[in-house]
Protein backbone atom coordinates (compact mmCIF):
# COMPACT_ATOMS: atom_id res chain seq x y z
CA MET A 1 -5.33 -11.92 10.72
CA ASN A 2 -8.73 -11.99 8.36
CA ARG A 3 -8.76 -14.09 5.54
CA ARG A 4 -8.24 -10.84 2.34
CA LEU A 5 -5.51 -9.37 4.77
CA THR A 6 -3.22 -11.79 5.14
CA SER A 7 -3.81 -13.21 0.91
CA THR A 8 -2.43 -9.58 0.47
CA LEU A 9 0.39 -8.81 2.56
CA LEU A 10 1.25 -12.30 1.38
CA ALA A 11 1.17 -12.08 -1.52
CA PHE A 12 3.14 -8.46 -1.95
CA LEU A 13 5.92 -9.73 0.33
CA PHE A 14 6.44 -12.24 -2.23
CA SER A 15 6.25 -9.25 -5.14
CA ALA A 16 9.31 -7.38 -3.06
CA SER A 17 10.90 -10.50 -2.08
CA LEU A 18 11.07 -11.58 -6.41
CA LEU A 19 11.39 -7.88 -7.33
CA GLY A 20 14.99 -7.83 -4.91
CA GLY A 21 13.25 -4.77 -3.51
CA THR A 22 12.74 -2.68 -7.37
CA ALA A 23 9.68 -2.00 -6.48
CA PHE A 24 9.90 0.38 -3.93
CA ALA A 25 13.43 1.68 -5.83
CA ALA A 26 10.87 2.76 -8.56
CA ALA A 27 8.74 5.02 -5.91
CA GLY A 28 11.82 7.17 -5.04
CA ASN A 29 10.79 10.02 -5.23
CA GLY A 30 9.77 9.88 -1.08
CA GLN A 31 5.79 8.83 -1.75
CA TYR A 32 4.54 5.93 -1.51
CA ARG A 33 1.74 4.18 -4.35
CA ALA A 34 -1.51 2.19 -3.81
CA GLU A 35 -3.84 0.97 -6.31
CA PRO A 36 -6.73 -0.81 -3.91
CA ALA A 37 -8.94 -3.15 -5.68
CA SER A 38 -12.21 -2.09 -5.27
CA PRO A 39 -11.94 2.14 -5.22
CA PRO A 40 -12.09 4.12 -2.52
CA THR A 41 -15.05 5.91 -1.06
CA ALA A 42 -12.76 8.66 -0.16
CA SER A 43 -10.29 11.02 -1.04
CA LEU A 44 -8.56 10.91 1.40
CA LEU A 45 -7.22 8.37 4.14
CA ILE A 46 -5.80 8.91 7.03
CA VAL A 47 -4.24 5.16 8.57
CA LYS A 48 -1.27 5.42 10.87
CA ASP A 49 -0.43 8.07 10.70
CA ILE A 50 -0.53 8.94 6.79
CA VAL A 51 -2.03 11.28 5.06
CA TRP A 52 -3.61 9.04 1.96
CA ARG A 53 -5.16 10.95 -0.74
CA CYS A 54 -6.36 8.71 -3.14
CA GLY A 55 -8.32 8.85 -6.67
CA ALA A 56 -9.51 7.09 -10.24
CA GLY A 57 -5.56 5.76 -10.34
CA GLY A 58 -4.79 4.74 -6.49
CA CYS A 59 -3.25 6.06 -3.59
CA VAL A 60 -0.30 8.82 -2.70
CA ALA A 61 0.66 9.31 0.35
CA PRO A 62 4.88 10.03 1.93
CA ARG A 63 7.02 7.70 2.72
CA SER A 64 6.88 6.80 6.97
CA ASN A 65 9.58 6.26 8.91
CA SER A 66 8.18 2.60 9.46
CA ARG A 67 8.23 -0.19 7.37
CA PRO A 68 7.09 -0.30 3.73
CA ALA A 69 5.43 -4.10 4.16
CA ILE A 70 3.67 -3.12 7.51
CA ASP A 71 2.61 0.37 5.80
CA CYS A 72 1.03 -2.02 3.23
CA SER A 73 -0.29 -4.11 5.71
CA ALA A 74 -1.79 -0.95 7.63
CA LEU A 75 -3.31 0.14 4.88
CA ALA A 76 -5.16 -3.38 3.17
CA HIS A 77 -6.42 -3.48 6.71
CA GLU A 78 -8.27 -0.14 5.81
CA LEU A 79 -9.52 -0.49 1.92
CA GLY A 80 -9.17 -4.31 1.88
CA THR A 81 -7.17 -5.91 -1.37
CA LEU A 82 -4.54 -3.75 -2.62
CA ARG A 83 -3.39 -4.36 -6.37
CA SER A 84 -0.18 -3.21 -6.55
CA PHE A 85 1.40 -1.43 -3.57
CA ALA A 86 5.66 0.45 -4.30
């Protein structure tokens, strides 16, 4: 794993453990929301069979059957550092 992905994943897991899962409860509408550190170059991404729609405010996608940490890691691998993921 590259260093940036590892740092992003560790920060995500640490934040999720502190919040006790409330970050995912906030996205209760069945969607993921992610904010990349750098704006994505494409408005549509397909990562691990999840269709992400990206714009100036970040990216959104329907939740999958995978664990959120896995989907976060896959998106971070594609986009680079994420500021947030819920």
